[in-house]
Amino acid sequence: MGQVERTTILTPALCRAARGFLDWTQNDLAERSGISRSTIRDYEADRHAAHRATQAQLRLAFEDGGIAFVSVKAGGLAVCSIGEPEK
C-alpha cells in the first residue's frame, strides 16, 4: 500500500497573508488561536516548523475570522475572504 499524501494545513506565508487579510497583529492571532505570540512569530519567520496541531489551531482561528483556504490547480493553497470577520 502507498503512503497517504499529507495535505498542507498552513504555511508560514499563508499565515502572514491570512493575518494581513484580516488586519490582525500576531497578538490578535495569539488571542484567537490560543497559540503563543512567540510561536507565531517564529513560525511566520520560518525559524522552526509548527506541529500539525498548532497549524490546525491557527487555521481554525483564521476560518472563524472569515478566511477560507482554497486548493489551487498548481497544488498549493490560496487565501480568500468569505465574509465579514467575527467580532
Protein backbone atom coordinates (compact mmCIF):
# COMPACT_ATOMS: atom_id res chain seq x y z
CA MET A 1 0.00 0.00 0.00
CA GLY A 2 1.18 3.52 -0.78
CA GLN A 3 1.60 6.23 1.78
CA VAL A 4 -1.31 8.64 2.13
CA GLU A 5 -0.48 12.09 0.80
CA ARG A 6 -0.23 14.66 3.58
CA THR A 7 -2.02 17.85 2.72
CA THR A 8 -0.76 21.21 3.85
CA ILE A 9 -2.68 22.68 6.75
CA LEU A 10 -0.94 26.06 6.80
CA THR A 11 2.39 27.51 5.71
CA PRO A 12 4.23 30.47 7.23
CA ALA A 13 3.48 32.56 4.13
CA LEU A 14 -0.23 31.69 4.27
CA CYS A 15 -0.26 32.54 7.97
CA ARG A 16 1.17 36.01 7.25
CA ALA A 17 -1.21 36.50 4.31
CA ALA A 18 -4.29 35.50 6.30
CA ARG A 19 -3.30 37.81 9.17
CA GLY A 20 -2.85 40.63 6.68
CA PHE A 21 -6.21 39.92 5.09
CA LEU A 22 -7.87 40.25 8.49
CA ASP A 23 -5.61 43.12 9.62
CA TRP A 24 -4.66 41.08 12.69
CA THR A 25 -1.45 41.51 14.63
CA GLN A 26 0.44 38.50 15.90
CA ASN A 27 -1.07 39.31 19.30
CA ASP A 28 -4.58 39.21 17.80
CA LEU A 29 -3.89 35.79 16.30
CA ALA A 30 -2.39 34.55 19.56
CA GLU A 31 -5.52 35.56 21.49
CA ARG A 32 -7.87 33.99 18.96
CA SER A 33 -5.92 30.76 18.48
CA GLY A 34 -4.53 30.06 21.94
CA ILE A 35 -1.03 29.82 20.44
CA SER A 36 1.72 31.96 21.99
CA ARG A 37 2.84 35.05 20.10
CA SER A 38 6.45 33.86 20.20
CA THR A 39 5.46 30.59 18.49
CA ILE A 40 3.55 32.53 15.83
CA ARG A 41 6.49 34.93 15.36
CA ASP A 42 8.99 32.09 14.95
CA TYR A 43 6.69 30.12 12.64
CA GLU A 44 5.95 33.08 10.38
CA ALA A 45 9.67 33.90 10.21
CA ASP A 46 10.38 30.27 9.22
CA ARG A 47 12.65 29.84 12.24
CA HIS A 48 11.06 26.48 13.01
CA ALA A 49 8.25 24.28 11.80
CA ALA A 50 5.00 24.18 13.74
CA HIS A 51 3.33 20.93 14.75
CA ARG A 52 0.30 19.99 12.66
CA ALA A 53 -1.93 20.53 15.70
CA THR A 54 -0.57 24.08 16.07
CA GLN A 55 -1.11 24.76 12.38
CA ALA A 56 -4.66 23.42 12.70
CA GLN A 57 -5.39 25.76 15.64
CA LEU A 58 -4.08 28.75 13.70
CA ARG A 59 -6.07 27.80 10.62
CA LEU A 60 -9.26 27.35 12.66
CA ALA A 61 -8.81 30.83 14.16
CA PHE A 62 -8.49 32.26 10.63
CA GLU A 63 -11.53 30.34 9.41
CA ASP A 64 -13.54 31.58 12.40
CA GLY A 65 -12.41 35.09 11.44
CA GLY A 66 -13.78 34.79 7.89
CA ILE A 67 -10.87 33.35 5.90
CA ALA A 68 -11.09 30.38 3.55
CA PHE A 69 -8.14 28.33 2.35
CA VAL A 70 -8.74 27.11 -1.20
CA SER A 71 -6.79 24.45 -3.09
CA VAL A 72 -5.39 25.78 -6.35
CA LYS A 73 -4.61 23.89 -9.52
CA ALA A 74 -0.85 24.15 -9.04
CA GLY A 75 -1.19 22.03 -5.89
CA GLY A 76 -0.96 24.74 -3.28
CA LEU A 77 -3.37 26.72 -1.16
CA ALA A 78 -4.70 30.25 -1.56
CA VAL A 79 -6.27 32.60 0.98
CA CYS A 80 -9.58 34.34 0.38
CA SER A 81 -12.16 36.16 2.45
CA ILE A 82 -15.57 34.53 2.88
CA GLY A 83 -17.28 37.44 4.54
CA GLU A 84 -17.16 39.75 7.49
CA PRO A 85 -14.80 38.63 10.23
CA GLU A 86 -16.25 37.52 13.55
CA LYS A 87 -16.47 40.41 16.00
